Amino acid sequence: MTTADQPATAIVHLDGQAHTVSWPRDEILLDVLLEQGIEAPYSCREGHCGACAVTKLSGEVEMETNDVLESDDLAEGLILACQSRPVSESVEVSYDV
């Protein structure tokens, strides 16, 4: 199994709690969080509304679609949880920032 096949680790800060979950590289962050019972905010699940926007504190992700975040938002670390897949081995995000 290569590193690219191994799940990443997501550290998610939400409502004052930190959650650490295994994040398969072919899955979307929002789906992983909901499967783990973590009630992350979302609405359209298509990258159009921004309700699932979260601040990336560390790591790298790739977004499939981004119709709502501007370049300034991206520079500040905002990503769409409904469109993000892990690129790095570990990604830390916060809904509390």
C-alpha atoms as a PDB file:
ATOM      1  CA  MET A   1       0.000   0.000   0.000  1.00  0.00           C
ATOM      2  CA  THR A   2       1.475   3.351  -1.014  1.00  0.00           C
ATOM      3  CA  THR A   3       1.098   6.563   0.952  1.00  0.00           C
ATOM      4  CA  ALA A   4      -1.406   7.761  -1.660  1.00  0.00           C
ATOM      5  CA  ASP A   5      -3.598   4.744  -0.847  1.00  0.00           C
ATOM      6  CA  GLN A   6      -3.467   5.195   2.924  1.00  0.00           C
ATOM      7  CA  PRO A   7      -6.135   7.321   4.592  1.00  0.00           C
ATOM      8  CA  ALA A   8      -5.228  10.793   5.742  1.00  0.00           C
ATOM      9  CA  THR A   9      -5.965  12.047   9.235  1.00  0.00           C
ATOM     10  CA  ALA A  10      -8.407  14.912   9.740  1.00  0.00           C
ATOM     11  CA  ILE A  11      -8.356  16.935  12.942  1.00  0.00           C
ATOM     12  CA  VAL A  12     -11.594  18.907  13.114  1.00  0.00           C
ATOM     13  CA  HIS A  13     -12.397  21.646  15.626  1.00  0.00           C
ATOM     14  CA  LEU A  14     -16.149  22.155  16.002  1.00  0.00           C
ATOM     15  CA  ASP A  15     -18.133  23.669  18.873  1.00  0.00           C
ATOM     16  CA  GLY A  16     -15.100  23.736  21.158  1.00  0.00           C
ATOM     17  CA  GLN A  17     -14.249  20.060  20.638  1.00  0.00           C
ATOM     18  CA  ALA A  18     -11.451  18.472  18.619  1.00  0.00           C
ATOM     19  CA  HIS A  19     -12.263  15.334  16.631  1.00  0.00           C
ATOM     20  CA  THR A  20      -9.633  13.156  14.956  1.00  0.00           C
ATOM     21  CA  VAL A  21     -10.896  10.920  12.150  1.00  0.00           C
ATOM     22  CA  SER A  22      -9.454   8.717   9.441  1.00  0.00           C
ATOM     23  CA  TRP A  23     -10.090  10.326   6.050  1.00  0.00           C
ATOM     24  CA  PRO A  24      -9.990   7.998   3.017  1.00  0.00           C
ATOM     25  CA  ARG A  25      -8.359   9.821   0.118  1.00  0.00           C
ATOM     26  CA  ASP A  26     -11.263   9.182  -2.243  1.00  0.00           C
ATOM     27  CA  GLU A  27     -13.883  10.620   0.136  1.00  0.00           C
ATOM     28  CA  ILE A  28     -15.150  14.148   0.697  1.00  0.00           C
ATOM     29  CA  LEU A  29     -14.471  15.686   4.127  1.00  0.00           C
ATOM     30  CA  LEU A  30     -18.134  16.486   4.831  1.00  0.00           C
ATOM     31  CA  ASP A  31     -19.178  12.888   4.095  1.00  0.00           C
ATOM     32  CA  VAL A  32     -16.508  11.530   6.458  1.00  0.00           C
ATOM     33  CA  LEU A  33     -17.586  13.886   9.245  1.00  0.00           C
ATOM     34  CA  LEU A  34     -21.279  13.050   8.893  1.00  0.00           C
ATOM     35  CA  GLU A  35     -20.495   9.301   8.797  1.00  0.00           C
ATOM     36  CA  GLN A  36     -18.648   9.746  12.118  1.00  0.00           C
ATOM     37  CA  GLY A  37     -21.634  11.529  13.696  1.00  0.00           C
ATOM     38  CA  ILE A  38     -19.937  14.939  13.640  1.00  0.00           C
ATOM     39  CA  GLU A  39     -22.648  17.503  12.901  1.00  0.00           C
ATOM     40  CA  ALA A  40     -20.735  19.796  10.563  1.00  0.00           C
ATOM     41  CA  PRO A  41     -22.755  22.575   8.909  1.00  0.00           C
ATOM     42  CA  TYR A  42     -23.775  22.193   5.273  1.00  0.00           C
ATOM     43  CA  SER A  43     -26.598  22.917   2.838  1.00  0.00           C
ATOM     44  CA  CYS A  44     -26.270  22.278  -0.904  1.00  0.00           C
ATOM     45  CA  ARG A  45     -23.350  19.754  -0.910  1.00  0.00           C
ATOM     46  CA  GLU A  46     -22.452  20.974  -4.418  1.00  0.00           C
ATOM     47  CA  GLY A  47     -19.925  23.763  -3.749  1.00  0.00           C
ATOM     48  CA  HIS A  48     -22.381  26.554  -4.541  1.00  0.00           C
ATOM     49  CA  CYS A  49     -23.585  27.986  -1.207  1.00  0.00           C
ATOM     50  CA  GLY A  50     -20.604  28.181   1.182  1.00  0.00           C
ATOM     51  CA  ALA A  51     -22.526  26.858   4.204  1.00  0.00           C
ATOM     52  CA  CYS A  52     -19.863  24.173   4.740  1.00  0.00           C
ATOM     53  CA  ALA A  53     -16.892  26.581   4.545  1.00  0.00           C
ATOM     54  CA  VAL A  54     -14.248  25.756   7.133  1.00  0.00           C
ATOM     55  CA  THR A  55     -10.822  27.225   7.893  1.00  0.00           C
ATOM     56  CA  LYS A  56      -7.892  24.980   7.009  1.00  0.00           C
ATOM     57  CA  LEU A  57      -5.242  25.356   9.703  1.00  0.00           C
ATOM     58  CA  SER A  58      -2.710  22.940   8.212  1.00  0.00           C
ATOM     59  CA  GLY A  59      -2.302  20.396   5.443  1.00  0.00           C
ATOM     60  CA  GLU A  60      -3.415  20.349   1.835  1.00  0.00           C
ATOM     61  CA  VAL A  61      -6.729  19.525   0.187  1.00  0.00           C
ATOM     62  CA  GLU A  62      -8.058  19.496  -3.340  1.00  0.00           C
ATOM     63  CA  MET A  63     -11.534  20.878  -4.021  1.00  0.00           C
ATOM     64  CA  GLU A  64     -13.623  19.390  -6.828  1.00  0.00           C
ATOM     65  CA  THR A  65     -15.822  22.474  -7.241  1.00  0.00           C
ATOM     66  CA  ASN A  66     -15.629  25.986  -5.835  1.00  0.00           C
ATOM     67  CA  ASP A  67     -18.287  28.401  -7.042  1.00  0.00           C
ATOM     68  CA  VAL A  68     -18.404  30.538  -3.904  1.00  0.00           C
ATOM     69  CA  LEU A  69     -14.971  31.175  -2.341  1.00  0.00           C
ATOM     70  CA  GLU A  70     -12.968  34.117  -3.708  1.00  0.00           C
ATOM     71  CA  SER A  71      -9.163  34.205  -3.933  1.00  0.00           C
ATOM     72  CA  ASP A  72      -9.024  36.220  -0.670  1.00  0.00           C
ATOM     73  CA  ASP A  73     -11.069  33.507   1.073  1.00  0.00           C
ATOM     74  CA  LEU A  74      -8.715  30.815  -0.221  1.00  0.00           C
ATOM     75  CA  ALA A  75      -5.682  32.852   0.882  1.00  0.00           C
ATOM     76  CA  GLU A  76      -7.172  32.979   4.391  1.00  0.00           C
ATOM     77  CA  GLY A  77      -7.415  29.173   4.384  1.00  0.00           C
ATOM     78  CA  LEU A  78     -11.125  28.716   3.736  1.00  0.00           C
ATOM     79  CA  ILE A  79     -12.143  25.481   2.022  1.00  0.00           C
ATOM     80  CA  LEU A  80     -15.476  23.830   1.246  1.00  0.00           C
ATOM     81  CA  ALA A  81     -15.900  20.646   3.294  1.00  0.00           C
ATOM     82  CA  CYS A  82     -18.413  19.318   0.746  1.00  0.00           C
ATOM     83  CA  GLN A  83     -15.804  19.447  -2.031  1.00  0.00           C
ATOM     84  CA  SER A  84     -12.489  18.685  -0.303  1.00  0.00           C
ATOM     85  CA  ARG A  85     -10.360  15.556  -0.559  1.00  0.00           C
ATOM     86  CA  PRO A  86      -7.040  15.183   1.301  1.00  0.00           C
ATOM     87  CA  VAL A  87      -3.731  15.687  -0.483  1.00  0.00           C
ATOM     88  CA  SER A  88      -1.423  15.679   2.554  1.00  0.00           C
ATOM     89  CA  GLU A  89      -1.194  12.968   5.220  1.00  0.00           C
ATOM     90  CA  SER A  90      -2.867  15.170   7.814  1.00  0.00           C
ATOM     91  CA  VAL A  91      -5.287  18.084   7.544  1.00  0.00           C
ATOM     92  CA  GLU A  92      -6.463  20.245  10.436  1.00  0.00           C
ATOM     93  CA  VAL A  93      -9.562  22.409  10.055  1.00  0.00           C
ATOM     94  CA  SER A  94     -11.658  24.564  12.345  1.00  0.00           C
ATOM     95  CA  TYR A  95     -15.277  25.648  12.245  1.00  0.00           C
ATOM     96  CA  ASP A  96     -14.616  27.651  15.439  1.00  0.00           C
ATOM     97  CA  VAL A  97     -12.306  30.314  13.933  1.00  0.00           C
END
